[in-house]
Amino acid sequence: MIVARSPAELEPAERAVAIGTFDGVHRGHREVLDAVTATGLRSTVVTFDPHPRLVLGYDVELLTTLERRIELIAAAGLEELLVVEFTPELSRREPEQFAEEVLGAIGAQVVVTGDDFRFGAGRRGDVALLRRLGLDVRPVPLLEDVSSSRIRALLGEGDVRGAAALLGRPFELEGVVVAGDQRGGTLGFPTANLALQPHALAPAFGIYAGEALDHRAAVSIGVNPHYGGSERRIEAFLLDFAGDLYGRRLRLELWERLRGERAFASEDELVAQIGRDVEAARASTRPAGRA
């Protein structure tokens, strides 16, 4: 898939275009992407980075990094992706101007989007305006209860299986492995300490089962209350794995929440519970759904 940062980087062609932030690339987003590829025209996605709500001063926890969003859109079979830098200036641009400078510049003939799509200054741009500008607009109905905000709410409750049902795949944590407190090794369960990108969502504190690098994983998300911690840590013990992960980008699937985090009466009790968590992670099953 070709990834461009300006319309000028895409060669002239008649295109079918999907527009949106596509955070999470969930099942509803996939309906839009599939409709674009079904047109038979050059299939192109126009997306935004940073997330518009962050630029406008709102807090939003992101389901996917831009890098992962690009990978998922490519996996959906799209030919091109145009990443538009979202700035305060762009937010004030009239929708007609945006349509001319972006959609017109890349030769959009068909525009496919969710039927609630809005754009431009004051969110005045909509499907009706695009049609008045001569574009063939094909709204895709929303899937009931499938939205990025609903997925965030489920993850806030620790319901990673519920989130997976809406995403169409397990929820993923992605980041770089950094040095941690290194207690896991002394307890017999060496962990990879994952540093997320700013604004990345992490689910409710607790112990999770999942997978990374084709190895089952037992994952702790929280503050390590047994040791009186206060800073959130994401620590993954990869079962049957040997190797150095420091500095590597790691993508960690979360399959199910095993329990909440808590302090223990002794370190022996903690180690015994970790052992049970590891066996539960070994027995866990991946949520169903297309990749």
Protein backbone atom coordinates (compact mmCIF):
# COMPACT_ATOMS: atom_id res chain seq x y z
CA MET A 1 0.00 0.00 0.00
CA ILE A 2 1.23 3.48 -0.89
CA VAL A 3 1.29 5.88 2.09
CA ALA A 4 1.32 9.58 1.18
CA ARG A 5 1.52 12.70 3.33
CA SER A 6 0.19 15.15 0.73
CA PRO A 7 -2.17 14.90 -2.27
CA ALA A 8 0.71 15.73 -4.60
CA GLU A 9 2.38 12.43 -3.73
CA LEU A 10 -0.46 10.44 -5.36
CA GLU A 11 -0.50 10.08 -9.13
CA PRO A 12 -3.57 11.34 -11.02
CA ALA A 13 -6.33 8.71 -11.13
CA GLU A 14 -10.06 8.24 -10.67
CA ARG A 15 -10.46 7.15 -7.08
CA ALA A 16 -12.94 5.78 -4.61
CA VAL A 17 -12.11 7.39 -1.28
CA ALA A 18 -12.96 6.60 2.33
CA ILE A 19 -12.58 9.51 4.76
CA GLY A 20 -12.27 9.23 8.53
CA THR A 21 -10.02 8.87 11.53
CA PHE A 22 -10.52 5.08 11.63
CA ASP A 23 -9.19 4.74 15.19
CA GLY A 24 -9.24 1.04 15.94
CA VAL A 25 -10.15 0.00 12.36
CA HIS A 26 -13.11 -1.80 13.91
CA ARG A 27 -15.90 -3.79 12.20
CA GLY A 28 -17.81 -0.64 11.27
CA HIS A 29 -14.70 0.86 9.68
CA ARG A 30 -14.15 -2.38 7.79
CA GLU A 31 -17.61 -2.07 6.25
CA VAL A 32 -16.56 1.31 4.85
CA LEU A 33 -13.21 0.01 3.60
CA ASP A 34 -14.84 -3.00 1.95
CA ALA A 35 -17.30 -0.70 0.17
CA VAL A 36 -14.38 1.30 -1.25
CA THR A 37 -12.60 -1.74 -2.63
CA ALA A 38 -15.87 -3.01 -4.11
CA THR A 39 -16.17 0.02 -6.43
CA GLY A 40 -13.40 -1.20 -8.71
CA LEU A 41 -11.76 2.24 -8.74
CA ARG A 42 -8.38 3.04 -7.24
CA SER A 43 -9.08 2.47 -3.54
CA THR A 44 -7.82 5.24 -1.27
CA VAL A 45 -8.23 6.16 2.39
CA VAL A 46 -7.93 9.72 3.68
CA THR A 47 -7.21 9.76 7.39
CA PHE A 48 -5.98 12.29 9.93
CA ASP A 49 -3.09 12.51 12.36
CA PRO A 50 -3.03 13.62 15.14
CA HIS A 51 -6.56 12.64 16.14
CA PRO A 52 -8.78 15.70 15.52
CA ARG A 53 -10.20 15.67 19.05
CA LEU A 54 -6.71 16.00 20.54
CA VAL A 55 -5.97 19.02 18.36
CA LEU A 56 -9.28 20.60 19.36
CA GLY A 57 -8.39 20.31 23.03
CA TYR A 58 -10.37 17.22 24.02
CA ASP A 59 -8.96 14.18 25.79
CA VAL A 60 -9.19 10.95 23.83
CA GLU A 61 -7.53 7.59 24.43
CA LEU A 62 -6.49 6.02 21.15
CA LEU A 63 -7.21 2.40 20.28
CA THR A 64 -4.41 2.17 17.73
CA THR A 65 -1.17 3.92 16.91
CA LEU A 66 -0.90 5.48 13.46
CA GLU A 67 1.60 2.79 12.51
CA ARG A 68 -0.83 0.02 13.45
CA ARG A 69 -3.74 1.83 11.77
CA ILE A 70 -1.73 1.89 8.53
CA GLU A 71 -1.00 -1.84 8.83
CA LEU A 72 -4.66 -2.72 9.41
CA ILE A 73 -5.89 -0.58 6.51
CA ALA A 74 -3.30 -2.19 4.25
CA ALA A 75 -4.44 -5.64 5.41
CA ALA A 76 -7.99 -4.70 4.39
CA GLY A 77 -6.80 -4.50 0.79
CA LEU A 78 -6.67 -0.75 0.21
CA GLU A 79 -4.23 0.51 -2.41
CA GLU A 80 -3.40 3.94 -1.01
CA LEU A 81 -3.53 5.92 2.22
CA LEU A 82 -3.27 9.70 2.48
CA VAL A 83 -2.40 10.87 6.00
CA VAL A 84 -3.54 14.47 6.39
CA GLU A 85 -1.92 16.42 9.23
CA PHE A 86 -4.74 17.73 11.38
CA THR A 87 -3.98 21.24 12.62
CA PRO A 88 -6.04 24.07 14.17
CA GLU A 89 -5.87 25.77 10.78
CA LEU A 90 -7.32 22.73 9.05
CA SER A 91 -10.15 22.58 11.60
CA ARG A 92 -11.16 26.12 10.58
CA ARG A 93 -11.06 25.42 6.85
CA GLU A 94 -14.41 25.61 5.08
CA PRO A 95 -15.65 22.19 3.98
CA GLU A 96 -15.78 23.28 0.32
CA GLN A 97 -12.12 24.25 0.51
CA PHE A 98 -11.16 20.94 2.12
CA ALA A 99 -13.07 19.05 -0.58
CA GLU A 100 -11.26 20.97 -3.31
CA GLU A 101 -7.76 20.79 -1.79
CA VAL A 102 -7.88 17.15 -0.78
CA LEU A 103 -10.64 15.23 -2.56
CA GLY A 104 -10.48 17.21 -5.78
CA ALA A 105 -6.70 17.17 -5.81
CA ILE A 106 -6.53 13.36 -5.74
CA GLY A 107 -9.30 12.81 -8.29
CA ALA A 108 -11.98 11.45 -6.00
CA GLN A 109 -15.02 10.29 -7.95
CA VAL A 110 -16.72 8.18 -5.28
CA VAL A 111 -16.66 8.99 -1.57
CA VAL A 112 -17.58 6.25 0.90
CA THR A 113 -18.08 7.15 4.54
CA GLY A 114 -20.19 6.47 7.58
CA ASP A 115 -23.56 8.19 7.30
CA ASP A 116 -22.76 10.39 10.33
CA PHE A 117 -19.58 11.84 8.82
CA ARG A 118 -18.94 15.56 9.34
CA PHE A 119 -15.96 17.71 8.35
CA GLY A 120 -14.70 21.26 7.96
CA ALA A 121 -15.23 24.39 10.03
CA GLY A 122 -18.06 23.97 12.51
CA ARG A 123 -18.53 20.41 11.19
CA ARG A 124 -20.66 21.94 8.46
CA GLY A 125 -19.52 19.50 5.80
CA ASP A 126 -21.67 16.41 5.34
CA VAL A 127 -22.89 13.92 2.76
CA ALA A 128 -25.33 16.42 1.25
CA LEU A 129 -22.59 19.00 0.68
CA LEU A 130 -20.32 16.47 -1.01
CA ARG A 131 -23.16 15.55 -3.35
CA ARG A 132 -23.76 19.21 -4.18
CA LEU A 133 -20.10 19.37 -5.17
CA GLY A 134 -20.71 16.62 -7.72
CA LEU A 135 -19.27 13.64 -5.90
CA ASP A 136 -20.86 10.20 -5.90
CA VAL A 137 -21.29 9.75 -2.16
CA ARG A 138 -22.14 6.29 -0.82
CA PRO A 139 -22.89 6.34 2.91
CA VAL A 140 -22.41 3.08 4.75
CA PRO A 141 -24.94 2.48 7.56
CA LEU A 142 -23.49 2.30 11.03
CA LEU A 143 -23.28 -1.12 12.65
CA GLU A 144 -25.43 -1.16 15.77
CA ASP A 145 -23.39 -0.61 18.95
CA VAL A 146 -20.09 -0.70 17.03
CA SER A 147 -18.08 2.46 17.59
CA SER A 148 -14.68 3.53 18.87
CA SER A 149 -16.32 5.15 21.91
CA ARG A 150 -18.19 1.95 22.79
CA ILE A 151 -14.97 -0.06 22.49
CA ARG A 152 -13.22 2.40 24.78
CA ALA A 153 -16.00 2.02 27.33
CA LEU A 154 -15.74 -1.78 27.29
CA LEU A 155 -11.97 -1.64 27.72
CA GLY A 156 -12.42 0.79 30.60
CA GLU A 157 -14.36 -2.01 32.29
CA GLY A 158 -11.70 -4.59 31.44
CA ASP A 159 -14.02 -6.38 29.01
CA VAL A 160 -11.45 -7.23 26.36
CA ARG A 161 -13.58 -10.03 24.94
CA GLY A 162 -16.49 -7.64 24.43
CA ALA A 163 -14.12 -5.17 22.77
CA ALA A 164 -12.77 -7.91 20.50
CA ALA A 165 -16.29 -8.70 19.29
CA LEU A 166 -16.63 -5.09 18.07
CA LEU A 167 -13.11 -4.77 16.75
CA GLY A 168 -13.26 -8.04 14.85
CA ARG A 169 -9.95 -9.06 16.45
CA PRO A 170 -8.36 -8.97 19.92
CA PHE A 171 -7.50 -5.56 21.36
CA GLU A 172 -3.79 -4.84 21.18
CA LEU A 173 -1.33 -2.90 23.29
CA GLU A 174 1.65 -1.67 21.34
CA GLY A 175 4.84 0.01 22.46
CA VAL A 176 8.55 -0.26 23.07
CA VAL A 177 10.00 -2.58 25.69
CA VAL A 178 11.85 -0.56 28.33
CA ALA A 179 13.60 -1.33 31.60
CA GLY A 180 11.29 -1.83 34.57
CA ASP A 181 11.79 -2.64 38.23
CA GLN A 182 13.14 -6.10 37.26
CA ARG A 183 11.31 -7.79 40.11
CA GLY A 184 9.80 -10.38 37.78
CA GLY A 185 13.12 -12.08 37.15
CA THR A 186 13.81 -12.46 40.85
CA LEU A 187 10.37 -14.03 41.27
CA GLY A 188 10.97 -16.46 38.41
CA PHE A 189 8.72 -14.66 35.91
CA PRO A 190 10.80 -12.14 33.91
CA THR A 191 8.54 -9.57 32.27
CA ALA A 192 8.72 -7.16 29.35
CA ASN A 193 7.80 -3.66 30.50
CA LEU A 194 5.84 -1.94 27.73
CA ALA A 195 5.94 1.84 27.23
CA LEU A 196 2.88 3.02 25.29
CA GLN A 197 2.75 6.04 23.04
CA PRO A 198 1.14 9.20 24.46
CA HIS A 199 -2.68 9.07 24.51
CA ALA A 200 -2.75 5.28 23.93
CA LEU A 201 -5.56 3.49 25.73
CA ALA A 202 -4.84 0.78 28.28
CA PRO A 203 -7.75 -1.23 29.72
CA ALA A 204 -8.79 -1.42 33.36
CA PHE A 205 -6.14 -2.47 35.83
CA GLY A 206 -5.88 -6.20 36.28
CA ILE A 207 -4.23 -9.40 35.11
CA TYR A 208 -4.89 -10.50 31.53
CA ALA A 209 -4.20 -13.45 29.28
CA GLY A 210 -2.98 -12.78 25.78
CA GLU A 211 -0.25 -13.36 23.24
CA ALA A 212 2.85 -11.70 21.83
CA LEU A 213 5.42 -12.98 19.33
CA ASP A 214 3.40 -16.22 18.99
CA HIS A 215 3.83 -16.91 22.71
CA ARG A 216 1.06 -16.95 25.28
CA ALA A 217 1.40 -14.11 27.74
CA ALA A 218 0.28 -13.26 31.26
CA VAL A 219 -0.03 -9.49 31.48
CA SER A 220 -0.20 -7.19 34.49
CA ILE A 221 -1.69 -3.72 34.00
CA GLY A 222 -1.64 -1.55 37.09
CA VAL A 223 0.49 -0.09 39.85
CA ASN A 224 1.86 -3.24 41.52
CA PRO A 225 -0.05 -2.69 44.78
CA HIS A 226 1.85 -5.50 46.51
CA TYR A 227 4.94 -3.28 46.34
CA GLY A 228 3.12 -0.02 47.01
CA GLY A 229 3.49 1.27 43.47
CA SER A 230 1.78 4.37 42.17
CA GLU A 231 2.81 4.54 38.50
CA ARG A 232 0.95 2.48 35.91
CA ARG A 233 3.00 -0.36 34.48
CA ILE A 234 2.25 -2.81 31.70
CA GLU A 235 4.28 -5.96 32.23
CA ALA A 236 4.04 -9.08 30.10
CA PHE A 237 5.46 -12.49 30.94
CA LEU A 238 5.82 -14.44 27.68
CA LEU A 239 5.46 -18.14 28.31
CA ASP A 240 8.26 -20.38 27.03
CA PHE A 241 10.14 -17.39 25.60
CA ALA A 242 13.87 -16.76 25.87
CA GLY A 243 15.49 -13.66 24.46
CA ASP A 244 16.20 -9.98 24.89
CA LEU A 245 13.26 -7.69 24.07
CA TYR A 246 14.66 -4.35 25.25
CA GLY A 247 14.19 -1.62 22.67
CA ARG A 248 11.90 -3.72 20.47
CA ARG A 249 8.45 -2.70 19.31
CA LEU A 250 6.08 -5.22 20.84
CA ARG A 251 2.43 -5.79 19.96
CA LEU A 252 0.52 -7.57 22.68
CA GLU A 253 -2.93 -9.09 22.14
CA LEU A 254 -5.23 -9.21 25.17
CA TRP A 255 -7.62 -12.17 25.15
CA GLU A 256 -9.37 -12.06 28.52
CA ARG A 257 -9.19 -10.46 31.96
CA LEU A 258 -8.26 -13.05 34.53
CA ARG A 259 -8.65 -11.03 37.74
CA GLY A 260 -8.17 -7.65 39.36
CA GLU A 261 -4.84 -6.60 40.82
CA ARG A 262 -4.28 -6.75 44.57
CA ALA A 263 -1.66 -6.91 47.29
CA PHE A 264 -0.78 -10.24 48.93
CA ALA A 265 0.07 -11.24 52.48
CA SER A 266 3.51 -12.50 51.46
CA GLU A 267 5.81 -12.81 48.47
CA ASP A 268 5.27 -16.59 48.50
CA GLU A 269 1.53 -16.00 48.12
CA LEU A 270 2.21 -13.58 45.26
CA VAL A 271 4.44 -16.09 43.46
CA ALA A 272 1.83 -18.83 43.86
CA GLN A 273 -0.85 -16.57 42.37
CA ILE A 274 1.40 -15.60 39.45
CA GLY A 275 1.87 -19.31 38.78
CA ARG A 276 -1.90 -19.78 38.64
CA ASP A 277 -2.21 -16.74 36.35
CA VAL A 278 0.39 -18.20 34.00
CA GLU A 279 -1.48 -21.50 33.77
CA ALA A 280 -4.74 -19.63 33.13
CA ALA A 281 -3.00 -17.70 30.35
CA ARG A 282 -1.75 -20.96 28.87
CA ALA A 283 -5.32 -22.30 28.80
CA SER A 284 -6.89 -19.09 27.43
CA THR A 285 -8.40 -19.01 23.94
CA ARG A 286 -8.13 -16.23 21.38
CA PRO A 287 -11.41 -14.35 20.71
CA ALA A 288 -12.87 -15.18 17.33
CA GLY A 289 -12.98 -12.57 14.55
CA ARG A 290 -11.43 -11.71 11.25
CA ALA A 291 -7.93 -10.20 11.34
